[in-house]
N, C-alpha and C. Protein backbone atom coordinates (compact mmCIF):
# COMPACT_ATOMS: atom_id res chain seq x y z
N MET A 1 0.59 -0.94 0.12
CA MET A 1 0.01 -0.08 0.10
C MET A 1 0.77 1.51 -0.32
N ASN A 2 0.28 2.69 -0.86
CA ASN A 2 1.04 3.43 -0.86
C ASN A 2 0.78 4.22 0.97
N ARG A 3 2.11 4.77 1.06
CA ARG A 3 2.52 5.18 2.38
C ARG A 3 1.28 6.46 2.41
N ARG A 4 1.65 7.15 1.45
CA ARG A 4 1.03 8.38 1.69
C ARG A 4 -0.57 8.24 2.08
N ILE A 5 -1.16 7.05 1.42
CA ILE A 5 -2.51 6.80 1.80
C ILE A 5 -2.81 6.29 3.29
N LEU A 6 -1.93 5.46 3.28
CA LEU A 6 -2.20 5.05 5.33
C LEU A 6 -1.66 6.21 6.27
N ALA A 7 -0.93 7.21 5.55
CA ALA A 7 -0.30 8.46 6.59
C ALA A 7 -1.70 9.46 6.97
N LEU A 8 -2.70 9.37 6.26
CA LEU A 8 -3.71 10.09 5.84
C LEU A 8 -4.39 9.97 7.24
N SER A 9 -5.34 11.14 7.63
CA SER A 9 -6.56 10.65 8.64
C SER A 9 -7.54 9.81 8.61
N GLY A 10 -7.64 9.53 9.53
CA GLY A 10 -9.07 8.19 8.76
C GLY A 10 -10.12 8.78 10.20
N LEU A 11 -11.65 8.11 10.04
CA LEU A 11 -12.88 8.80 10.92
C LEU A 11 -13.23 6.89 10.88
N ILE A 12 -13.29 6.63 11.81
CA ILE A 12 -13.68 5.09 12.01
C ILE A 12 -15.13 5.07 12.65
N ALA A 13 -16.16 5.19 12.15
CA ALA A 13 -17.98 5.76 12.85
C ALA A 13 -18.53 4.19 13.51
N CYS A 14 -19.10 3.72 14.52
CA CYS A 14 -19.63 2.56 14.63
C CYS A 14 -20.72 2.69 15.04
N ILE A 15 -21.44 2.60 14.49
CA ILE A 15 -23.00 2.37 14.60
C ILE A 15 -24.06 2.04 15.53
N GLY A 16 -24.22 1.41 16.52
CA GLY A 16 -24.88 0.64 17.38
C GLY A 16 -26.27 0.87 17.09
N THR A 17 -26.86 0.44 17.64
CA THR A 17 -28.56 0.55 18.03
C THR A 17 -28.45 1.14 18.93
N GLY A 18 -29.33 2.05 18.27
CA GLY A 18 -29.34 2.98 19.71
C GLY A 18 -28.42 4.25 19.82
N THR A 19 -26.65 3.68 19.46
CA THR A 19 -26.07 4.26 19.94
C THR A 19 -25.04 4.47 18.81
N ARG A 20 -23.99 6.11 19.11
CA ARG A 20 -23.30 6.25 18.08
C ARG A 20 -21.89 6.24 18.73
N LYS A 21 -20.89 5.41 18.56
CA LYS A 21 -19.60 5.71 18.98
C LYS A 21 -18.78 6.15 17.97
N VAL A 22 -17.79 6.90 17.91
CA VAL A 22 -17.13 7.61 16.74
C VAL A 22 -15.52 7.81 17.11
N MET A 23 -14.71 7.05 16.23
CA MET A 23 -13.22 6.89 17.29
C MET A 23 -12.88 7.80 15.83
N HIS A 24 -11.76 8.65 16.66
CA HIS A 24 -10.73 9.41 15.24
C HIS A 24 -9.27 9.17 15.60
N LEU A 25 -8.91 8.67 14.66
CA LEU A 25 -7.06 8.22 14.49
C LEU A 25 -6.52 8.29 13.50
N GLN A 26 -5.60 8.37 13.58
CA GLN A 26 -4.58 8.11 12.61
C GLN A 26 -3.91 6.87 12.56
N ILE A 27 -4.42 6.75 10.60
CA ILE A 27 -4.26 5.21 10.54
C ILE A 27 -3.03 5.43 9.63
N ARG A 28 -1.63 5.11 10.63
CA ARG A 28 -0.11 5.15 10.09
C ARG A 28 -0.21 3.31 9.36
N SER A 29 -0.39 2.53 9.82
CA SER A 29 -0.08 1.20 8.94
C SER A 29 -1.69 0.44 9.08
N LEU A 30 -1.53 -0.98 8.30
CA LEU A 30 -2.49 -1.53 7.96
C LEU A 30 -3.16 -2.27 9.58
N LYS A 31 -1.82 -2.34 10.48
CA LYS A 31 -2.24 -3.16 11.66
C LYS A 31 -2.79 -2.18 12.55
N HIS A 32 -2.75 -0.90 12.54
CA HIS A 32 -3.95 0.40 13.31
C HIS A 32 -5.15 0.26 12.42
N LEU A 33 -5.22 -0.43 10.96
CA LEU A 33 -6.42 -0.14 10.94
C LEU A 33 -7.21 -1.65 11.05
N HIS A 34 -6.77 -2.31 11.19
CA HIS A 34 -7.14 -4.17 11.85
C HIS A 34 -7.36 -3.47 13.55
N ILE A 35 -6.70 -2.79 13.68
CA ILE A 35 -7.06 -2.27 15.10
C ILE A 35 -8.22 -1.98 15.40
N ALA A 36 -8.26 -0.87 14.78
CA ALA A 36 -10.01 -0.24 14.98
C ALA A 36 -10.62 -0.54 14.26
N ALA A 37 -10.98 -2.08 13.41
CA ALA A 37 -11.98 -2.69 13.01
C ALA A 37 -12.69 -3.09 13.97
N ILE A 38 -11.57 -3.84 14.80
CA ILE A 38 -12.00 -4.94 15.89
C ILE A 38 -12.11 -3.65 17.31
N VAL A 39 -11.91 -2.89 17.60
CA VAL A 39 -12.08 -1.96 18.69
C VAL A 39 -14.28 -1.18 18.21
N CYS A 40 -14.09 -1.34 16.72
CA CYS A 40 -15.36 -0.98 16.34
C CYS A 40 -16.49 -2.29 16.54
N LEU A 41 -15.96 -3.57 15.99
CA LEU A 41 -16.75 -4.38 16.20
C LEU A 41 -17.27 -4.82 17.77
N TYR A 42 -16.55 -4.83 18.33
CA TYR A 42 -16.86 -5.10 20.21
C TYR A 42 -17.42 -3.55 20.26
N SER A 43 -17.52 -2.48 20.03
CA SER A 43 -18.24 -1.93 20.87
C SER A 43 -19.20 -1.74 20.15
N LEU A 44 -19.85 -2.31 19.40
CA LEU A 44 -21.13 -2.65 18.40
C LEU A 44 -22.04 -3.59 18.77
N LEU A 45 -21.03 -4.84 19.24
CA LEU A 45 -21.24 -6.11 20.23
C LEU A 45 -21.35 -5.86 21.99
N GLY A 46 -20.99 -4.22 22.27
CA GLY A 46 -21.48 -4.22 23.43
C GLY A 46 -22.88 -3.40 23.70
N THR A 47 -23.12 -2.76 22.76
CA THR A 47 -24.50 -2.16 22.46
C THR A 47 -25.73 -2.77 23.00
N SER A 48 -26.46 -2.62 24.11
CA SER A 48 -27.67 -2.87 24.36
C SER A 48 -28.39 -3.43 23.02
N SER A 49 -28.74 -4.35 23.11
CA SER A 49 -30.39 -4.82 22.11
C SER A 49 -31.78 -4.21 22.69
N VAL A 50 -32.01 -4.42 23.87
CA VAL A 50 -33.00 -3.41 24.50
C VAL A 50 -33.43 -2.36 24.46
N LEU A 51 -34.33 -1.57 23.62
CA LEU A 51 -34.75 -0.57 23.39
C LEU A 51 -36.46 -0.27 23.89
N ALA A 52 -36.59 1.39 23.83
CA ALA A 52 -37.95 1.36 23.68
C ALA A 52 -38.98 1.04 22.90
N ASP A 53 -39.96 0.95 22.62
CA ASP A 53 -40.47 1.40 21.82
C ASP A 53 -40.91 2.47 20.54
N THR A 54 -40.46 2.45 19.43
CA THR A 54 -40.64 3.64 18.64
C THR A 54 -41.14 3.42 17.43
N ALA A 55 -41.86 4.78 17.14
CA ALA A 55 -43.33 4.07 15.84
C ALA A 55 -42.85 5.54 15.22
N THR A 56 -43.16 5.35 13.80
CA THR A 56 -43.09 6.89 13.13
C THR A 56 -44.54 6.57 12.10
N GLY A 57 -45.13 7.96 11.81
CA GLY A 57 -45.94 7.84 10.61
C GLY A 57 -45.92 9.05 9.86
N ASN A 58 -46.50 8.67 8.78
CA ASN A 58 -46.44 9.64 7.65
C ASN A 58 -47.17 9.69 7.02
N GLN A 59 -48.57 9.65 7.40
CA GLN A 59 -49.55 9.51 6.22
C GLN A 59 -49.89 10.87 5.56
N ASN A 60 -49.79 11.58 6.30
CA ASN A 60 -50.04 13.39 5.85
C ASN A 60 -48.67 13.62 5.14
N PRO A 61 -48.60 13.27 4.02
CA PRO A 61 -47.14 14.28 3.12
C PRO A 61 -46.40 15.17 3.73
N ASP A 62 -47.46 16.14 4.62
CA ASP A 62 -46.80 17.55 5.02
C ASP A 62 -46.31 16.94 6.46
N LEU A 63 -46.85 16.11 7.06
CA LEU A 63 -46.07 16.04 8.56
C LEU A 63 -45.39 14.80 8.95
N GLU A 64 -44.53 14.47 9.70
CA GLU A 64 -44.35 12.90 9.98
C GLU A 64 -44.16 13.23 11.51
N VAL A 65 -44.74 11.95 12.23
CA VAL A 65 -44.73 11.90 13.65
C VAL A 65 -43.92 10.78 13.67
N VAL A 66 -42.99 11.07 15.07
CA VAL A 66 -42.23 9.87 15.69
C VAL A 66 -41.92 9.89 17.21
N VAL A 67 -43.05 8.35 17.77
CA VAL A 67 -43.32 8.59 19.17
C VAL A 67 -42.02 7.09 19.47
N THR A 68 -41.81 7.58 20.86
CA THR A 68 -41.19 6.46 21.25
C THR A 68 -42.08 6.80 23.05
N LEU A 69 -42.29 4.96 23.58
CA LEU A 69 -42.60 4.98 24.80
C LEU A 69 -41.52 4.08 25.57
N ALA A 70 -41.05 4.34 26.70
CA ALA A 70 -39.92 3.36 27.37
C ALA A 70 -40.51 3.44 29.08
N SER A 71 -40.46 2.84 29.56
CA SER A 71 -40.36 1.83 30.93
C SER A 71 -39.02 2.33 31.63
N SER A 72 -39.40 2.91 32.99
CA SER A 72 -38.06 3.12 33.56
C SER A 72 -37.70 1.75 34.55
N GLY A 73 -38.35 1.16 34.22
CA GLY A 73 -37.81 -0.38 34.89
C GLY A 73 -36.85 -1.34 33.91
N SER A 74 -36.67 -2.11 34.52
CA SER A 74 -35.35 -2.84 33.86
C SER A 74 -35.10 -3.45 32.13
N ASP A 75 -36.55 -3.40 31.96
CA ASP A 75 -36.66 -3.66 30.21
C ASP A 75 -37.56 -2.06 30.18
N PRO A 76 -37.26 -1.79 29.45
CA PRO A 76 -37.71 -0.31 28.36
C PRO A 76 -39.10 -0.90 28.03
N GLU A 77 -39.34 -1.71 27.69
CA GLU A 77 -40.57 -2.38 26.85
C GLU A 77 -41.56 -3.18 27.50
N ARG A 78 -41.21 -3.20 29.19
CA ARG A 78 -42.05 -3.72 29.66
C ARG A 78 -41.83 -2.92 31.26
N ALA A 79 -43.63 -2.68 31.82
CA ALA A 79 -43.17 -2.03 33.27
C ALA A 79 -44.45 -2.90 34.68
N THR A 80 -44.19 -2.38 35.70
CA THR A 80 -44.74 -3.16 36.43
C THR A 80 -45.22 -1.85 37.32
N ALA A 81 -45.78 -1.73 38.72
CA ALA A 81 -46.12 -0.84 39.90
C ALA A 81 -45.20 -0.56 40.40
N GLY A 82 -45.30 1.24 39.82
CA GLY A 82 -44.36 1.97 40.42
C GLY A 82 -42.92 2.26 39.64
N ASP A 83 -42.97 2.04 37.80
CA ASP A 83 -42.26 2.18 37.03
C ASP A 83 -42.80 3.46 36.53
N THR A 84 -42.23 4.32 35.95
CA THR A 84 -42.75 5.55 35.50
C THR A 84 -42.51 5.31 33.86
N LEU A 85 -43.74 5.47 33.11
CA LEU A 85 -43.53 5.55 31.48
C LEU A 85 -42.91 6.79 31.34
N THR A 86 -42.36 6.79 30.42
CA THR A 86 -41.74 7.90 29.48
C THR A 86 -42.43 7.78 28.08
N ALA A 87 -42.79 8.88 27.85
CA ALA A 87 -43.06 9.07 26.15
C ALA A 87 -42.49 10.39 25.59
N THR A 88 -41.81 10.55 24.92
CA THR A 88 -41.70 11.64 23.43
C THR A 88 -42.33 11.33 22.51
N TRP A 89 -42.48 12.97 21.78
CA TRP A 89 -43.01 12.76 20.62
C TRP A 89 -42.64 13.67 19.58
N THR A 90 -42.28 13.73 18.54
CA THR A 90 -41.96 14.54 17.42
C THR A 90 -42.32 14.98 16.62
N VAL A 91 -43.12 16.47 16.38
CA VAL A 91 -43.78 15.96 14.83
C VAL A 91 -43.15 17.09 14.05
N ILE A 92 -42.81 16.68 12.21
CA ILE A 92 -42.43 17.05 11.72
C ILE A 92 -42.64 17.85 10.62
N ASN A 93 -42.26 19.45 10.40
CA ASN A 93 -43.07 20.22 9.41
C ASN A 93 -41.91 19.35 8.19
N LYS A 94 -42.39 19.04 7.37
CA LYS A 94 -41.79 18.24 6.09
C LYS A 94 -41.68 19.72 4.80
N THR A 95 -42.82 20.69 4.99
CA THR A 95 -42.75 21.68 3.97
C THR A 95 -42.08 22.82 3.78
N ASN A 96 -41.88 23.55 3.25
CA ASN A 96 -41.08 24.77 3.01
C ASN A 96 -41.73 25.89 3.69
N ARG A 97 -43.28 26.14 4.25
CA ARG A 97 -43.91 26.77 4.81
C ARG A 97 -43.95 26.29 6.26
N ASN A 98 -44.69 27.66 6.87
CA ASN A 98 -44.89 27.26 8.00
C ASN A 98 -46.27 26.97 7.88
N LEU A 99 -46.44 25.41 9.42
CA LEU A 99 -47.50 25.18 9.20
C LEU A 99 -48.59 24.87 10.57
N LYS A 100 -49.62 25.59 10.58
CA LYS A 100 -50.42 25.78 12.33
C LYS A 100 -50.94 24.09 12.56
N VAL A 101 -50.55 23.64 13.18
CA VAL A 101 -51.00 22.12 13.40
C VAL A 101 -51.74 21.45 14.52
N ASN A 102 -52.72 20.78 14.34
CA ASN A 102 -53.59 20.29 15.83
C ASN A 102 -52.51 18.94 16.17
N ILE A 103 -51.92 19.08 17.25
CA ILE A 103 -51.62 17.73 17.68
C ILE A 103 -52.50 17.05 18.61
N GLU A 104 -52.57 16.14 19.07
CA GLU A 104 -53.31 14.79 19.95
C GLU A 104 -52.60 14.17 20.58
N HIS A 105 -52.28 13.97 21.46
CA HIS A 105 -51.45 12.44 22.38
C HIS A 105 -52.27 12.14 23.25
N ILE A 106 -52.14 10.70 23.32
CA ILE A 106 -53.37 10.00 24.06
C ILE A 106 -52.72 9.12 25.18
N TRP A 107 -52.98 8.97 26.22
CA TRP A 107 -52.22 7.77 26.93
C TRP A 107 -53.52 6.98 27.42
N GLU A 108 -53.52 5.25 26.82
CA GLU A 108 -54.24 4.27 27.09
C GLU A 108 -53.66 3.42 27.55
N PRO A 109 -53.82 3.53 28.92
CA PRO A 109 -53.47 2.22 29.91
C PRO A 109 -54.60 0.95 29.38
N PRO A 110 -54.06 -0.06 29.76
CA PRO A 110 -55.02 -0.93 30.04
C PRO A 110 -56.33 -1.50 30.45
N GLN A 111 -57.14 -1.55 29.93
CA GLN A 111 -58.74 -1.66 30.53
C GLN A 111 -59.00 -0.36 31.68
N PHE A 112 -58.66 0.85 31.05
CA PHE A 112 -58.35 1.79 32.07
C PHE A 112 -58.78 3.15 30.89
N ALA A 113 -59.51 3.92 31.53
CA ALA A 113 -59.81 5.49 30.65
C ALA A 113 -58.66 6.31 29.98
N VAL A 114 -58.68 6.45 28.90
CA VAL A 114 -57.88 7.02 28.19
C VAL A 114 -58.02 8.68 28.67
N HIS A 115 -56.83 9.30 28.53
CA HIS A 115 -56.21 10.64 28.62
C HIS A 115 -55.82 11.26 27.37
N ALA A 116 -56.43 12.14 26.81
CA ALA A 116 -56.67 12.93 25.62
C ALA A 116 -55.91 14.40 25.95
N ILE A 117 -54.86 14.80 24.74
CA ILE A 117 -54.80 15.94 25.21
C ILE A 117 -54.41 16.52 23.77
N HIS A 118 -55.37 17.70 23.38
CA HIS A 118 -54.73 18.33 22.20
C HIS A 118 -54.07 19.91 21.98
N ARG A 119 -53.08 19.60 21.44
CA ARG A 119 -52.47 21.07 21.63
C ARG A 119 -51.98 21.84 19.67
N ILE A 120 -52.77 23.57 19.71
CA ILE A 120 -52.61 23.85 18.49
C ILE A 120 -51.13 24.56 18.48
N VAL A 121 -50.20 23.98 17.47
CA VAL A 121 -48.88 24.78 17.20
C VAL A 121 -48.18 25.17 15.91
N THR A 122 -47.56 26.55 15.88
CA THR A 122 -46.53 26.31 14.65
C THR A 122 -45.61 26.16 14.30
N ILE A 123 -45.30 25.08 13.52
CA ILE A 123 -44.04 24.47 13.28
C ILE A 123 -43.28 25.57 12.17
N PRO A 124 -41.97 26.00 12.17
CA PRO A 124 -41.93 26.25 10.93
C PRO A 124 -41.48 25.62 9.73
N ALA A 125 -41.12 26.26 8.59
CA ALA A 125 -40.67 25.25 7.35
C ALA A 125 -39.61 24.58 7.66
N GLN A 126 -39.50 23.19 7.63
CA GLN A 126 -39.00 21.62 7.92
C GLN A 126 -38.35 22.20 9.19
N GLY A 127 -38.93 22.49 10.13
CA GLY A 127 -38.57 22.67 11.54
C GLY A 127 -39.46 20.97 12.17
N SER A 128 -39.69 21.67 13.74
CA SER A 128 -39.99 20.27 14.52
C SER A 128 -40.51 20.78 15.58
N SER A 129 -41.76 20.09 16.62
CA SER A 129 -41.79 20.34 17.58
C SER A 129 -42.12 19.33 18.16
N HIS A 130 -41.18 19.30 19.24
CA HIS A 130 -40.78 18.25 20.28
C HIS A 130 -41.54 18.01 21.52
N GLN A 131 -41.99 17.25 22.09
CA GLN A 131 -42.46 17.38 23.81
C GLN A 131 -42.39 15.79 24.06
N SER A 132 -42.37 15.79 25.57
CA SER A 132 -42.56 15.00 26.16
C SER A 132 -42.92 14.82 27.29
N GLY A 133 -43.53 13.94 27.90
CA GLY A 133 -44.24 13.50 29.18
C GLY A 133 -44.28 12.10 30.28
N THR A 134 -44.41 11.67 30.95
CA THR A 134 -44.70 11.07 32.03
C THR A 134 -46.15 10.33 32.81
N PHE A 135 -45.86 9.49 32.86
CA PHE A 135 -47.34 8.57 33.12
C PHE A 135 -46.70 7.21 34.31
N LEU A 136 -46.91 7.56 35.78
CA LEU A 136 -46.78 6.48 36.72
C LEU A 136 -47.82 5.64 36.48
N ILE A 137 -47.10 4.21 36.37
CA ILE A 137 -48.16 2.94 36.71
C ILE A 137 -48.29 2.52 38.26
N THR A 138 -49.57 2.63 38.12
CA THR A 138 -49.52 2.31 40.07
C THR A 138 -50.46 0.93 40.29
N SER A 139 -50.65 0.59 41.22
CA SER A 139 -51.23 -1.11 41.03
C SER A 139 -52.52 -1.32 40.29
N ASN A 140 -53.31 0.08 40.59
CA ASN A 140 -54.96 0.26 39.82
C ASN A 140 -54.98 -0.48 38.37
N ILE A 141 -53.88 -0.05 38.07
CA ILE A 141 -53.46 -0.43 36.14
C ILE A 141 -53.54 -1.67 35.92
N SER A 142 -54.63 -2.14 35.18
CA SER A 142 -54.34 -3.89 34.60
C SER A 142 -52.90 -4.31 34.35
N THR A 143 -53.05 -5.55 34.02
CA THR A 143 -51.56 -6.20 33.01
C THR A 143 -52.73 -5.71 31.29
N GLY A 144 -51.70 -5.81 30.50
CA GLY A 144 -51.81 -5.87 29.14
C GLY A 144 -50.56 -4.82 28.57
N THR A 145 -51.18 -4.38 27.37
CA THR A 145 -51.11 -3.10 26.51
C THR A 145 -51.03 -2.18 26.73
N PHE A 146 -50.06 -1.14 27.20
CA PHE A 146 -49.79 0.70 27.42
C PHE A 146 -49.89 0.99 25.81
N SER A 147 -50.94 1.89 25.65
CA SER A 147 -50.35 2.67 24.15
C SER A 147 -50.45 4.25 24.55
N PHE A 148 -49.19 4.48 24.04
CA PHE A 148 -49.58 5.65 23.69
C PHE A 148 -49.30 6.68 22.02
N TYR A 149 -50.50 6.88 21.61
CA TYR A 149 -50.99 7.60 20.47
C TYR A 149 -50.60 9.08 19.99
N VAL A 150 -49.78 9.67 18.77
CA VAL A 150 -50.06 10.47 19.00
C VAL A 150 -50.50 10.98 17.19
N SER A 151 -51.47 11.87 17.42
CA SER A 151 -51.69 12.10 15.72
C SER A 151 -51.68 13.84 15.18
N ALA A 152 -51.09 14.02 14.11
CA ALA A 152 -51.04 15.98 14.11
C ALA A 152 -51.42 15.79 12.59
N THR A 153 -52.46 16.35 12.14
CA THR A 153 -53.06 17.42 10.95
C THR A 153 -52.77 19.20 10.70
N ASP A 154 -52.49 19.29 9.35
CA ASP A 154 -52.55 21.10 9.60
C ASP A 154 -53.81 21.01 8.41
N ASP A 155 -55.18 20.34 8.97
CA ASP A 155 -56.10 20.61 8.24
C ASP A 155 -56.93 20.67 9.31
N PHE A 156 -57.59 21.75 8.85
CA PHE A 156 -58.59 22.73 10.07
C PHE A 156 -59.55 22.75 9.57
N GLY A 157 -60.92 21.35 9.84
CA GLY A 157 -61.95 21.64 8.80
C GLY A 157 -62.03 21.50 7.90
N ARG A 158 -61.16 21.42 6.79
CA ARG A 158 -61.77 21.54 5.42
C ARG A 158 -61.62 19.93 4.40
N GLY A 159 -61.12 18.79 5.73
CA GLY A 159 -61.13 17.67 5.30
C GLY A 159 -60.67 16.81 3.92
N TYR A 160 -59.29 17.62 3.60
CA TYR A 160 -58.88 17.07 1.88
C TYR A 160 -57.36 16.48 2.46
N LYS A 161 -57.33 16.79 3.92
CA LYS A 161 -55.77 16.13 4.44
C LYS A 161 -55.95 14.86 5.56
N SER A 162 -55.09 14.31 5.69
CA SER A 162 -54.89 13.11 6.02
C SER A 162 -53.89 13.28 7.98
N TYR A 163 -54.18 12.96 8.27
CA TYR A 163 -53.58 12.43 9.51
C TYR A 163 -52.37 12.47 9.66
N SER A 164 -51.03 12.33 10.55
CA SER A 164 -49.97 11.33 10.45
C SER A 164 -50.22 10.97 11.96
N THR A 165 -50.42 9.44 12.27
CA THR A 165 -50.13 9.19 12.80
C THR A 165 -48.98 8.10 13.87
N ALA A 166 -48.99 7.67 14.87
CA ALA A 166 -47.70 6.32 15.57
C ALA A 166 -48.20 6.05 16.82
N THR A 167 -48.35 4.93 17.13
CA THR A 167 -48.93 4.17 18.55
C THR A 167 -47.26 3.49 19.04
N ALA A 168 -46.92 4.03 20.29
CA ALA A 168 -45.86 2.89 21.24
C ALA A 168 -46.42 2.49 21.90
N ASN A 169 -45.77 0.96 22.51
CA ASN A 169 -46.51 0.09 23.14
C ASN A 169 -45.45 0.02 24.29
N VAL A 170 -45.93 -0.35 25.61
CA VAL A 170 -45.50 -1.02 26.51
C VAL A 170 -46.40 -2.28 27.27
N THR A 171 -45.76 -3.27 27.43
CA THR A 171 -46.77 -4.18 28.28
C THR A 171 -46.53 -4.12 29.76
N ILE A 172 -47.81 -3.80 30.50
CA ILE A 172 -47.53 -4.00 31.81
C ILE A 172 -47.73 -5.29 32.67
N TYR A 173 -47.11 -5.54 33.25
CA TYR A 173 -46.98 -6.84 33.76
C TYR A 173 -47.25 -6.95 35.16
């Protein structure tokens, strides 16, 4: 190999499940390149495979909805009494103009009354609205699927645009 090529600065990016690890190094020899590749592989193997439930919806081409729901317990996709669920949601304006958007989010415990909240926000062109909330799991909540639902629309009574929706779930045990 040409020495000048090996002397160039290198960048190796290891992208793990939900985690990014980036290493900057000088690649001065083929041995350094092999070592960097091995370190990258081990960092990928060390990444946790357990993640929160995330869903995306883009039914309305103007808006994209991304929802994540996670438990504070040892398994982010399962919860029991005493755990707190954390939901995060983002609505992305995919247009080149500001949009007035009706965003609704619904907490839906198994066999329990739902809790719905509506909010109207203005999202700048190519911008986003990011929100989060928490829900404490009590012993009164039945076992089963706990859902968190978000919908967004920029249609205010005209009836020609759809909603973008996404639902994330956690199992209550």
